Amino acid sequence: MEQPLVSTTNTPMQAHKPALLARSVALMKPITWFGPMWAFLCGAVASGASGWNIPSILTILLGIFLAGPILCGVSQVINDYFDREVDALNEPNRLIPAGLVSLKQVIITILILMPIGIAIALYLGRGVSLLTGIGLLLAMGYSAPPLRAKRNGWAGNTLVAISYEGLAWMAGHLAFAELTGASIMVALFYSFGAHGIMSINDYKSIVGDRIAGIRTIPVLYGPKKAAWLIVMTMNLAQLGVLAAFVVWGKWWIVGLIVVIMLLQLPIQKQFIQKPTEMYLKFSAIGVSFFVWGMMVAAVGLRLL
C-alpha cells in the first residue's frame, strides 16, 4: 500500500479525505494563480495587437490558463513537495504534511500538467514556449535542491517575481506581437515590485522558517524592517513606471498612476506600523492597487 510523504497518525481529517481531483487542485493553490494570469493579460493589452474579436479572446484565455492553473499550479506542487518538512513545522494541516497526498499523486499531478502546458505554449508560439521553459527552470531552481533559492529571500523572491510578473507579461505580449523595449522595461519594473510583494506571505511562517534555516526577508531583517523594504520596493517600481510615462509624454497615464500610488499610502502606513497584524489586509488591499496600476501601464503602452 502506498505510504504518505510524511508519516502521521490517523486523524478525523484523514478519515474524510477529499476526492483525488480536489486534493490535486488544492495542492496547486488556486489563490496564487491570479498574479501570473493578470500579468499575461497585461502583456496582451500592452502588445497593442489584441482585440475584442474571438481569436484574440481565445488566445488570451489559453494564455491565462497556461500562466495560472498550469505553470503556477505545477510550480506550487513542486514547491509543496520540497517544502514538506518545513510545512510540518509551520502548517502541519497542509495536504502533504497531513498525509493526505502521496508521492504518487504528486508525480501524477505534475505529469498531467506539464504536457498540457507544453502543448499550449507551443500553440502560442516559439517565444511563449521559450519563456515557458525558462519559467519551469526557475520554478525548479526556487524549490528544489541543490539550488533551492527560496532558502534566501533575495534570491528566491527574484526567481518568483521574474516568473510571475516579468515572464508572464512578456509571454502575453509575445502571444500577439514582437516584444518592444518599452514593454520589457515596464515588465521588469513590475517584477522588481513583485519582489517585495513575495515577502508578504512570509509573515505567516517566520518561526518555522527560522528553525528550518529559510532566510526570508522577514527572518533576515525582522517584521518592521522587512515591511519597510516591501513598501519601498513596491513604490520604487511604480515610480520607475511613472518616470517612463513622463518621458513618453502620456500625462493622463501619469496622473492615474499617481492617484493609484496615493491611494496605497494609508494601508502602507498601517502595514509598516503593525506588520504582523496587518500583512493579510495589506496583501488584499495594497497589492490590489499595485496590480491595477499594472493594467493602467499596459493600456498606456498600447497607446504609445
C-alpha atoms as a PDB file:
ATOM      1  CA  MET A   1       0.000   0.000   0.000  1.00  0.00           C
ATOM      2  CA  GLU A   2       1.267   3.461  -0.885  1.00  0.00           C
ATOM      3  CA  GLN A   3       2.592   5.458   2.040  1.00  0.00           C
ATOM      4  CA  PRO A   4       2.114   9.224   2.561  1.00  0.00           C
ATOM      5  CA  LEU A   5       5.091  11.509   2.121  1.00  0.00           C
ATOM      6  CA  VAL A   6       5.041  12.388   5.817  1.00  0.00           C
ATOM      7  CA  SER A   7       4.059   9.804   8.393  1.00  0.00           C
ATOM      8  CA  THR A   8       1.099  10.750  10.534  1.00  0.00           C
ATOM      9  CA  THR A   9      -1.281   9.082  12.911  1.00  0.00           C
ATOM     10  CA  ASN A  10      -4.903   8.602  11.946  1.00  0.00           C
ATOM     11  CA  THR A  11      -6.979  11.750  12.403  1.00  0.00           C
ATOM     12  CA  PRO A  12     -10.579  12.734  11.613  1.00  0.00           C
ATOM     13  CA  MET A  13      -9.192  14.769   8.696  1.00  0.00           C
ATOM     14  CA  GLN A  14      -7.607  11.658   7.201  1.00  0.00           C
ATOM     15  CA  ALA A  15     -10.792   9.690   7.712  1.00  0.00           C
ATOM     16  CA  HIS A  16     -12.619  12.106   5.418  1.00  0.00           C
ATOM     17  CA  LYS A  17     -10.057  12.699   2.669  1.00  0.00           C
ATOM     18  CA  PRO A  18     -11.293  14.895  -0.148  1.00  0.00           C
ATOM     19  CA  ALA A  19     -11.584  13.449  -3.625  1.00  0.00           C
ATOM     20  CA  LEU A  20      -8.396  12.864  -5.598  1.00  0.00           C
ATOM     21  CA  LEU A  21      -9.052  15.699  -8.050  1.00  0.00           C
ATOM     22  CA  ALA A  22      -9.927  18.125  -5.273  1.00  0.00           C
ATOM     23  CA  ARG A  23      -6.691  17.299  -3.479  1.00  0.00           C
ATOM     24  CA  SER A  24      -4.625  17.894  -6.603  1.00  0.00           C
ATOM     25  CA  VAL A  25      -6.350  21.229  -7.281  1.00  0.00           C
ATOM     26  CA  ALA A  26      -5.833  22.274  -3.656  1.00  0.00           C
ATOM     27  CA  LEU A  27      -2.146  21.347  -3.980  1.00  0.00           C
ATOM     28  CA  MET A  28      -1.951  23.684  -6.991  1.00  0.00           C
ATOM     29  CA  LYS A  29      -3.121  26.588  -4.746  1.00  0.00           C
ATOM     30  CA  PRO A  30      -5.636  28.446  -6.968  1.00  0.00           C
ATOM     31  CA  ILE A  31      -5.299  31.574  -4.815  1.00  0.00           C
ATOM     32  CA  THR A  32      -1.746  32.026  -6.191  1.00  0.00           C
ATOM     33  CA  TRP A  33      -2.773  31.902  -9.858  1.00  0.00           C
ATOM     34  CA  PHE A  34      -4.014  35.477 -10.096  1.00  0.00           C
ATOM     35  CA  GLY A  35      -0.582  37.154 -10.325  1.00  0.00           C
ATOM     36  CA  PRO A  36       0.729  35.437 -13.479  1.00  0.00           C
ATOM     37  CA  MET A  37      -2.734  35.351 -15.077  1.00  0.00           C
ATOM     38  CA  TRP A  38      -3.102  39.115 -14.622  1.00  0.00           C
ATOM     39  CA  ALA A  39       0.441  39.736 -15.857  1.00  0.00           C
ATOM     40  CA  PHE A  40      -0.256  37.717 -19.023  1.00  0.00           C
ATOM     41  CA  LEU A  41      -3.414  39.751 -19.621  1.00  0.00           C
ATOM     42  CA  CYS A  42      -1.484  42.999 -19.088  1.00  0.00           C
ATOM     43  CA  GLY A  43       1.141  41.885 -21.592  1.00  0.00           C
ATOM     44  CA  ALA A  44      -1.549  41.044 -24.137  1.00  0.00           C
ATOM     45  CA  VAL A  45      -3.080  44.503 -23.704  1.00  0.00           C
ATOM     46  CA  ALA A  46       0.353  46.171 -23.901  1.00  0.00           C
ATOM     47  CA  SER A  47       1.080  44.442 -27.231  1.00  0.00           C
ATOM     48  CA  GLY A  48      -1.452  46.663 -28.981  1.00  0.00           C
ATOM     49  CA  ALA A  49      -2.412  43.730 -31.208  1.00  0.00           C
ATOM     50  CA  SER A  50      -5.065  42.053 -29.079  1.00  0.00           C
ATOM     51  CA  GLY A  51      -8.704  42.935 -29.547  1.00  0.00           C
ATOM     52  CA  TRP A  52     -12.279  42.022 -28.723  1.00  0.00           C
ATOM     53  CA  ASN A  53     -12.519  39.503 -31.559  1.00  0.00           C
ATOM     54  CA  ILE A  54     -12.952  35.785 -30.903  1.00  0.00           C
ATOM     55  CA  PRO A  55      -9.378  34.723 -31.895  1.00  0.00           C
ATOM     56  CA  SER A  56      -7.853  37.302 -29.522  1.00  0.00           C
ATOM     57  CA  ILE A  57     -10.141  36.325 -26.663  1.00  0.00           C
ATOM     58  CA  LEU A  58      -9.412  32.619 -27.148  1.00  0.00           C
ATOM     59  CA  THR A  59      -5.663  33.310 -27.228  1.00  0.00           C
ATOM     60  CA  ILE A  60      -5.891  35.349 -24.020  1.00  0.00           C
ATOM     61  CA  LEU A  61      -7.935  32.638 -22.305  1.00  0.00           C
ATOM     62  CA  LEU A  62      -5.417  29.976 -23.345  1.00  0.00           C
ATOM     63  CA  GLY A  63      -2.539  32.113 -22.112  1.00  0.00           C
ATOM     64  CA  ILE A  64      -4.256  32.834 -18.817  1.00  0.00           C
ATOM     65  CA  PHE A  65      -4.903  29.112 -18.367  1.00  0.00           C
ATOM     66  CA  LEU A  66      -1.239  28.404 -19.132  1.00  0.00           C
ATOM     67  CA  ALA A  67       0.111  31.087 -16.787  1.00  0.00           C
ATOM     68  CA  GLY A  68      -2.190  30.328 -13.859  1.00  0.00           C
ATOM     69  CA  PRO A  69      -3.559  26.806 -13.395  1.00  0.00           C
ATOM     70  CA  ILE A  70      -0.835  25.076 -15.417  1.00  0.00           C
ATOM     71  CA  LEU A  71       2.538  26.778 -14.825  1.00  0.00           C
ATOM     72  CA  CYS A  72       1.811  28.418 -11.484  1.00  0.00           C
ATOM     73  CA  GLY A  73      -0.065  25.281 -10.446  1.00  0.00           C
ATOM     74  CA  VAL A  74       2.789  22.923 -11.245  1.00  0.00           C
ATOM     75  CA  SER A  75       5.293  25.230  -9.532  1.00  0.00           C
ATOM     76  CA  GLN A  76       3.155  25.135  -6.387  1.00  0.00           C
ATOM     77  CA  VAL A  77       3.036  21.322  -6.450  1.00  0.00           C
ATOM     78  CA  ILE A  78       6.817  21.157  -6.824  1.00  0.00           C
ATOM     79  CA  ASN A  79       7.286  23.701  -4.042  1.00  0.00           C
ATOM     80  CA  ASP A  80       4.973  21.904  -1.628  1.00  0.00           C
ATOM     81  CA  TYR A  81       6.768  18.618  -2.192  1.00  0.00           C
ATOM     82  CA  PHE A  82      10.180  20.081  -1.382  1.00  0.00           C
ATOM     83  CA  ASP A  83       8.670  22.141   1.470  1.00  0.00           C
ATOM     84  CA  ARG A  84       7.048  19.167   3.187  1.00  0.00           C
ATOM     85  CA  GLU A  85       9.415  19.169   6.171  1.00  0.00           C
ATOM     86  CA  VAL A  86       9.190  22.942   6.683  1.00  0.00           C
ATOM     87  CA  ASP A  87       5.410  22.809   6.342  1.00  0.00           C
ATOM     88  CA  ALA A  88       5.310  20.109   9.008  1.00  0.00           C
ATOM     89  CA  LEU A  89       6.574  22.848  11.366  1.00  0.00           C
ATOM     90  CA  ASN A  90       4.669  25.854  10.018  1.00  0.00           C
ATOM     91  CA  GLU A  91       1.420  24.385   8.700  1.00  0.00           C
ATOM     92  CA  PRO A  92       1.060  20.697   9.651  1.00  0.00           C
ATOM     93  CA  ASN A  93      -2.509  20.626   8.309  1.00  0.00           C
ATOM     94  CA  ARG A  94      -1.349  21.137   4.732  1.00  0.00           C
ATOM     95  CA  LEU A  95      -2.065  18.231   2.410  1.00  0.00           C
ATOM     96  CA  ILE A  96       1.410  16.684   2.297  1.00  0.00           C
ATOM     97  CA  PRO A  97       2.419  17.067   5.971  1.00  0.00           C
ATOM     98  CA  ALA A  98      -1.047  15.842   6.993  1.00  0.00           C
ATOM     99  CA  GLY A  99      -0.539  12.672   4.954  1.00  0.00           C
ATOM    100  CA  LEU A 100      -3.400  13.445   2.565  1.00  0.00           C
ATOM    101  CA  VAL A 101      -1.252  13.464  -0.584  1.00  0.00           C
ATOM    102  CA  SER A 102       1.203  10.749  -1.580  1.00  0.00           C
ATOM    103  CA  LEU A 103       4.331  10.855  -3.726  1.00  0.00           C
ATOM    104  CA  LYS A 104       2.396   9.036  -6.448  1.00  0.00           C
ATOM    105  CA  GLN A 105      -0.251  11.750  -6.542  1.00  0.00           C
ATOM    106  CA  VAL A 106       2.395  14.488  -6.686  1.00  0.00           C
ATOM    107  CA  ILE A 107       4.055  12.781  -9.670  1.00  0.00           C
ATOM    108  CA  ILE A 108       0.753  12.150 -11.467  1.00  0.00           C
ATOM    109  CA  THR A 109      -0.335  15.770 -10.985  1.00  0.00           C
ATOM    110  CA  ILE A 110       2.946  17.048 -12.445  1.00  0.00           C
ATOM    111  CA  LEU A 111       2.828  14.558 -15.346  1.00  0.00           C
ATOM    112  CA  ILE A 112      -0.666  15.748 -16.247  1.00  0.00           C
ATOM    113  CA  LEU A 113       0.068  19.469 -16.002  1.00  0.00           C
ATOM    114  CA  MET A 114       3.423  19.528 -17.804  1.00  0.00           C
ATOM    115  CA  PRO A 115       2.331  18.118 -21.212  1.00  0.00           C
ATOM    116  CA  ILE A 116      -0.734  20.369 -21.218  1.00  0.00           C
ATOM    117  CA  GLY A 117       1.445  23.388 -20.521  1.00  0.00           C
ATOM    118  CA  ILE A 118       3.980  22.487 -23.189  1.00  0.00           C
ATOM    119  CA  ALA A 119       1.236  21.922 -25.776  1.00  0.00           C
ATOM    120  CA  ILE A 120      -0.414  25.286 -25.065  1.00  0.00           C
ATOM    121  CA  ALA A 121       2.943  27.098 -25.096  1.00  0.00           C
ATOM    122  CA  LEU A 122       3.847  25.572 -28.464  1.00  0.00           C
ATOM    123  CA  TYR A 123       0.478  26.590 -29.861  1.00  0.00           C
ATOM    124  CA  LEU A 124       1.008  30.173 -28.687  1.00  0.00           C
ATOM    125  CA  GLY A 125       4.365  30.399 -30.447  1.00  0.00           C
ATOM    126  CA  ARG A 126       8.103  29.918 -30.079  1.00  0.00           C
ATOM    127  CA  GLY A 127       8.535  32.998 -27.909  1.00  0.00           C
ATOM    128  CA  VAL A 128       5.919  31.856 -25.428  1.00  0.00           C
ATOM    129  CA  SER A 129       7.431  28.352 -25.474  1.00  0.00           C
ATOM    130  CA  LEU A 130      10.869  29.718 -24.647  1.00  0.00           C
ATOM    131  CA  LEU A 131       9.542  31.797 -21.746  1.00  0.00           C
ATOM    132  CA  THR A 132       7.563  28.785 -20.504  1.00  0.00           C
ATOM    133  CA  GLY A 133      10.730  26.685 -20.434  1.00  0.00           C
ATOM    134  CA  ILE A 134      12.609  29.413 -18.574  1.00  0.00           C
ATOM    135  CA  GLY A 135       9.761  29.711 -16.079  1.00  0.00           C
ATOM    136  CA  LEU A 136       9.781  25.978 -15.363  1.00  0.00           C
ATOM    137  CA  LEU A 137      13.540  26.028 -14.799  1.00  0.00           C
ATOM    138  CA  LEU A 138      13.172  28.957 -12.396  1.00  0.00           C
ATOM    139  CA  ALA A 139      10.420  27.089 -10.533  1.00  0.00           C
ATOM    140  CA  MET A 140      12.715  24.109 -10.067  1.00  0.00           C
ATOM    141  CA  GLY A 141      15.598  26.339  -9.008  1.00  0.00           C
ATOM    142  CA  TYR A 142      13.385  28.074  -6.471  1.00  0.00           C
ATOM    143  CA  SER A 143      12.151  24.921  -4.742  1.00  0.00           C
ATOM    144  CA  ALA A 144      14.454  22.001  -5.452  1.00  0.00           C
ATOM    145  CA  PRO A 145      17.936  21.148  -4.192  1.00  0.00           C
ATOM    146  CA  PRO A 146      20.739  21.764  -4.779  1.00  0.00           C
ATOM    147  CA  LEU A 147      19.930  25.401  -5.615  1.00  0.00           C
ATOM    148  CA  ARG A 148      16.725  25.768  -3.556  1.00  0.00           C
ATOM    149  CA  ALA A 149      16.872  29.535  -3.961  1.00  0.00           C
ATOM    150  CA  LYS A 150      13.995  30.052  -1.550  1.00  0.00           C
ATOM    151  CA  ARG A 151      16.427  29.498   1.320  1.00  0.00           C
ATOM    152  CA  ASN A 152      17.440  33.138   0.765  1.00  0.00           C
ATOM    153  CA  GLY A 153      14.722  35.762   0.464  1.00  0.00           C
ATOM    154  CA  TRP A 154      16.623  37.901  -2.016  1.00  0.00           C
ATOM    155  CA  ALA A 155      17.385  35.074  -4.438  1.00  0.00           C
ATOM    156  CA  GLY A 156      14.079  33.221  -4.053  1.00  0.00           C
ATOM    157  CA  ASN A 157      11.925  36.315  -4.419  1.00  0.00           C
ATOM    158  CA  THR A 158      13.848  37.303  -7.539  1.00  0.00           C
ATOM    159  CA  LEU A 159      13.110  34.000  -9.288  1.00  0.00           C
ATOM    160  CA  VAL A 160       9.415  34.083  -8.372  1.00  0.00           C
ATOM    161  CA  ALA A 161       8.968  37.760  -9.251  1.00  0.00           C
ATOM    162  CA  ILE A 162      10.553  37.282 -12.662  1.00  0.00           C
ATOM    163  CA  SER A 163       8.401  34.214 -13.346  1.00  0.00           C
ATOM    164  CA  TYR A 164       5.078  35.524 -12.039  1.00  0.00           C
ATOM    165  CA  GLU A 165       5.307  39.049 -13.420  1.00  0.00           C
ATOM    166  CA  GLY A 166       8.055  39.573 -15.988  1.00  0.00           C
ATOM    167  CA  LEU A 167       7.888  36.304 -17.944  1.00  0.00           C
ATOM    168  CA  ALA A 168       4.090  36.167 -17.794  1.00  0.00           C
ATOM    169  CA  TRP A 169       3.806  39.777 -19.015  1.00  0.00           C
ATOM    170  CA  MET A 170       6.256  39.186 -21.871  1.00  0.00           C
ATOM    171  CA  ALA A 171       4.522  35.932 -22.818  1.00  0.00           C
ATOM    172  CA  GLY A 172       1.222  37.793 -23.076  1.00  0.00           C
ATOM    173  CA  HIS A 173       2.842  40.370 -25.340  1.00  0.00           C
ATOM    174  CA  LEU A 174       4.579  37.731 -27.475  1.00  0.00           C
ATOM    175  CA  ALA A 175       1.338  35.831 -27.972  1.00  0.00           C
ATOM    176  CA  PHE A 176       0.223  38.760 -30.135  1.00  0.00           C
ATOM    177  CA  ALA A 177       3.245  40.739 -31.319  1.00  0.00           C
ATOM    178  CA  GLU A 178       7.005  41.153 -31.140  1.00  0.00           C
ATOM    179  CA  LEU A 179       8.272  42.480 -27.826  1.00  0.00           C
ATOM    180  CA  THR A 180       9.131  46.160 -27.562  1.00  0.00           C
ATOM    181  CA  GLY A 181      11.767  47.734 -25.371  1.00  0.00           C
ATOM    182  CA  ALA A 182       9.102  49.752 -23.566  1.00  0.00           C
ATOM    183  CA  SER A 183       7.054  46.668 -22.698  1.00  0.00           C
ATOM    184  CA  ILE A 184      10.128  44.778 -21.456  1.00  0.00           C
ATOM    185  CA  MET A 185      11.134  47.735 -19.275  1.00  0.00           C
ATOM    186  CA  VAL A 186       7.690  48.058 -17.675  1.00  0.00           C
ATOM    187  CA  ALA A 187       7.544  44.280 -17.129  1.00  0.00           C
ATOM    188  CA  LEU A 188      10.896  44.421 -15.344  1.00  0.00           C
ATOM    189  CA  PHE A 189       9.789  47.336 -13.167  1.00  0.00           C
ATOM    190  CA  TYR A 190       6.734  45.406 -12.032  1.00  0.00           C
ATOM    191  CA  SER A 191       8.875  42.311 -11.489  1.00  0.00           C
ATOM    192  CA  PHE A 192      11.023  44.417  -9.162  1.00  0.00           C
ATOM    193  CA  GLY A 193       7.904  45.491  -7.285  1.00  0.00           C
ATOM    194  CA  ALA A 194       6.712  41.890  -7.095  1.00  0.00           C
ATOM    195  CA  HIS A 195       9.990  41.018  -5.346  1.00  0.00           C
ATOM    196  CA  GLY A 196       8.672  42.949  -2.377  1.00  0.00           C
ATOM    197  CA  ILE A 197       5.169  41.522  -2.641  1.00  0.00           C
ATOM    198  CA  MET A 198       6.552  37.967  -2.414  1.00  0.00           C
ATOM    199  CA  SER A 199       7.748  38.666   1.131  1.00  0.00           C
ATOM    200  CA  ILE A 200       4.274  39.497   2.449  1.00  0.00           C
ATOM    201  CA  ASN A 201       3.230  35.853   2.609  1.00  0.00           C
ATOM    202  CA  ASP A 202       6.375  35.010   4.591  1.00  0.00           C
ATOM    203  CA  TYR A 203       4.994  36.716   7.703  1.00  0.00           C
ATOM    204  CA  LYS A 204       2.825  33.710   8.444  1.00  0.00           C
ATOM    205  CA  SER A 205       5.804  31.351   8.764  1.00  0.00           C
ATOM    206  CA  ILE A 206       8.583  33.385  10.397  1.00  0.00           C
ATOM    207  CA  VAL A 207       9.089  30.992  13.327  1.00  0.00           C
ATOM    208  CA  GLY A 208       9.143  27.808  11.261  1.00  0.00           C
ATOM    209  CA  ASP A 209      11.317  29.360   8.548  1.00  0.00           C
ATOM    210  CA  ARG A 210      13.839  30.477  11.149  1.00  0.00           C
ATOM    211  CA  ILE A 211      14.001  26.948  12.599  1.00  0.00           C
ATOM    212  CA  ALA A 212      14.339  25.407   9.133  1.00  0.00           C
ATOM    213  CA  GLY A 213      17.078  27.831   8.080  1.00  0.00           C
ATOM    214  CA  ILE A 214      14.992  29.529   5.379  1.00  0.00           C
ATOM    215  CA  ARG A 215      16.128  33.143   5.405  1.00  0.00           C
ATOM    216  CA  THR A 216      13.118  35.036   4.107  1.00  0.00           C
ATOM    217  CA  ILE A 217      13.169  38.823   4.199  1.00  0.00           C
ATOM    218  CA  PRO A 218      11.134  38.935   7.467  1.00  0.00           C
ATOM    219  CA  VAL A 219      13.503  36.366   9.003  1.00  0.00           C
ATOM    220  CA  LEU A 220      16.609  38.237   7.852  1.00  0.00           C
ATOM    221  CA  TYR A 221      15.556  41.720   8.949  1.00  0.00           C
ATOM    222  CA  GLY A 222      12.651  41.290  11.334  1.00  0.00           C
ATOM    223  CA  PRO A 223       8.991  42.238  10.687  1.00  0.00           C
ATOM    224  CA  LYS A 224       9.430  46.040  10.861  1.00  0.00           C
ATOM    225  CA  LYS A 225      12.459  46.413   8.587  1.00  0.00           C
ATOM    226  CA  ALA A 226      11.010  43.857   6.191  1.00  0.00           C
ATOM    227  CA  ALA A 227       7.797  45.910   5.960  1.00  0.00           C
ATOM    228  CA  TRP A 228       9.809  48.994   5.038  1.00  0.00           C
ATOM    229  CA  LEU A 229      11.697  47.011   2.371  1.00  0.00           C
ATOM    230  CA  ILE A 230       8.457  45.635   0.926  1.00  0.00           C
ATOM    231  CA  VAL A 231       6.812  49.059   0.691  1.00  0.00           C
ATOM    232  CA  MET A 232       9.940  50.741  -0.675  1.00  0.00           C
ATOM    233  CA  THR A 233      10.373  48.066  -3.347  1.00  0.00           C
ATOM    234  CA  MET A 234       6.759  48.335  -4.494  1.00  0.00           C
ATOM    235  CA  ASN A 235       6.912  52.137  -4.576  1.00  0.00           C
ATOM    236  CA  LEU A 236      10.245  52.321  -6.390  1.00  0.00           C
ATOM    237  CA  ALA A 237       8.850  50.037  -9.089  1.00  0.00           C
ATOM    238  CA  GLN A 238       5.811  52.247  -9.544  1.00  0.00           C
ATOM    239  CA  LEU A 239       7.943  55.384  -9.568  1.00  0.00           C
ATOM    240  CA  GLY A 240      10.059  53.823 -12.318  1.00  0.00           C
ATOM    241  CA  VAL A 241       6.958  53.192 -14.432  1.00  0.00           C
ATOM    242  CA  LEU A 242       5.732  56.697 -13.643  1.00  0.00           C
ATOM    243  CA  ALA A 243       9.023  58.206 -14.805  1.00  0.00           C
ATOM    244  CA  ALA A 244       8.886  56.216 -18.041  1.00  0.00           C
ATOM    245  CA  PHE A 245       5.447  57.574 -18.913  1.00  0.00           C
ATOM    246  CA  VAL A 246       6.604  61.103 -18.087  1.00  0.00           C
ATOM    247  CA  VAL A 247       9.385  60.655 -20.641  1.00  0.00           C
ATOM    248  CA  TRP A 248       6.889  59.233 -23.146  1.00  0.00           C
ATOM    249  CA  GLY A 249       4.545  62.166 -22.556  1.00  0.00           C
ATOM    250  CA  LYS A 250       1.464  60.110 -21.629  1.00  0.00           C
ATOM    251  CA  TRP A 251       0.233  62.516 -18.980  1.00  0.00           C
ATOM    252  CA  TRP A 252      -3.150  61.003 -18.281  1.00  0.00           C
ATOM    253  CA  ILE A 253      -1.430  57.675 -17.597  1.00  0.00           C
ATOM    254  CA  VAL A 254       0.980  59.532 -15.298  1.00  0.00           C
ATOM    255  CA  GLY A 255      -1.993  61.072 -13.480  1.00  0.00           C
ATOM    256  CA  LEU A 256      -3.712  57.721 -12.978  1.00  0.00           C
ATOM    257  CA  ILE A 257      -0.547  56.086 -11.644  1.00  0.00           C
ATOM    258  CA  VAL A 258      -0.041  58.986  -9.214  1.00  0.00           C
ATOM    259  CA  VAL A 259      -3.614  58.576  -7.923  1.00  0.00           C
ATOM    260  CA  ILE A 260      -3.127  54.806  -7.523  1.00  0.00           C
ATOM    261  CA  MET A 261       0.092  55.362  -5.580  1.00  0.00           C
ATOM    262  CA  LEU A 262      -1.537  57.939  -3.286  1.00  0.00           C
ATOM    263  CA  LEU A 263      -4.400  55.530  -2.545  1.00  0.00           C
ATOM    264  CA  GLN A 264      -1.873  52.972  -1.308  1.00  0.00           C
ATOM    265  CA  LEU A 265      -0.304  55.265   1.296  1.00  0.00           C
ATOM    266  CA  PRO A 266      -2.794  54.734   4.178  1.00  0.00           C
ATOM    267  CA  ILE A 267      -2.616  50.925   4.057  1.00  0.00           C
ATOM    268  CA  GLN A 268       1.171  51.066   3.621  1.00  0.00           C
ATOM    269  CA  LYS A 269       1.439  53.181   6.761  1.00  0.00           C
ATOM    270  CA  GLN A 270      -0.694  50.707   8.721  1.00  0.00           C
ATOM    271  CA  PHE A 271       1.389  47.790   7.473  1.00  0.00           C
ATOM    272  CA  ILE A 272       4.668  49.439   8.469  1.00  0.00           C
ATOM    273  CA  GLN A 273       3.318  50.243  11.930  1.00  0.00           C
ATOM    274  CA  LYS A 274       1.931  46.753  12.634  1.00  0.00           C
ATOM    275  CA  PRO A 275       3.308  44.347  10.028  1.00  0.00           C
ATOM    276  CA  THR A 276       2.497  41.059  11.760  1.00  0.00           C
ATOM    277  CA  GLU A 277      -1.089  42.144  12.402  1.00  0.00           C
ATOM    278  CA  MET A 278      -1.685  43.901   9.067  1.00  0.00           C
ATOM    279  CA  TYR A 279       0.094  41.772   6.463  1.00  0.00           C
ATOM    280  CA  LEU A 280      -3.068  39.974   5.322  1.00  0.00           C
ATOM    281  CA  LYS A 281      -5.010  43.219   4.963  1.00  0.00           C
ATOM    282  CA  PHE A 282      -2.072  44.823   3.171  1.00  0.00           C
ATOM    283  CA  SER A 283      -1.846  41.829   0.823  1.00  0.00           C
ATOM    284  CA  ALA A 284      -5.523  42.188  -0.034  1.00  0.00           C
ATOM    285  CA  ILE A 285      -5.735  45.991  -0.385  1.00  0.00           C
ATOM    286  CA  GLY A 286      -2.241  47.354  -1.042  1.00  0.00           C
ATOM    287  CA  VAL A 287      -1.371  44.741  -3.646  1.00  0.00           C
ATOM    288  CA  SER A 288      -4.728  45.250  -5.380  1.00  0.00           C
ATOM    289  CA  PHE A 289      -3.845  48.883  -6.088  1.00  0.00           C
ATOM    290  CA  PHE A 290      -0.428  47.780  -7.363  1.00  0.00           C
ATOM    291  CA  VAL A 291      -1.927  45.356  -9.885  1.00  0.00           C
ATOM    292  CA  TRP A 292      -4.464  47.896 -11.098  1.00  0.00           C
ATOM    293  CA  GLY A 293      -1.503  50.142 -11.810  1.00  0.00           C
ATOM    294  CA  MET A 294      -0.123  47.357 -13.989  1.00  0.00           C
ATOM    295  CA  MET A 295      -3.228  47.433 -16.175  1.00  0.00           C
ATOM    296  CA  VAL A 296      -3.097  51.226 -16.429  1.00  0.00           C
ATOM    297  CA  ALA A 297       0.516  50.935 -17.600  1.00  0.00           C
ATOM    298  CA  ALA A 298      -0.450  48.223 -20.098  1.00  0.00           C
ATOM    299  CA  VAL A 299      -3.109  50.490 -21.597  1.00  0.00           C
ATOM    300  CA  GLY A 300      -0.554  53.286 -21.731  1.00  0.00           C
ATOM    301  CA  LEU A 301       1.895  51.079 -23.647  1.00  0.00           C
ATOM    302  CA  ARG A 302      -0.856  50.157 -26.066  1.00  0.00           C
ATOM    303  CA  LEU A 303      -1.269  53.835 -26.899  1.00  0.00           C
ATOM    304  CA  LEU A 304       2.428  54.614 -27.438  1.00  0.00           C
END
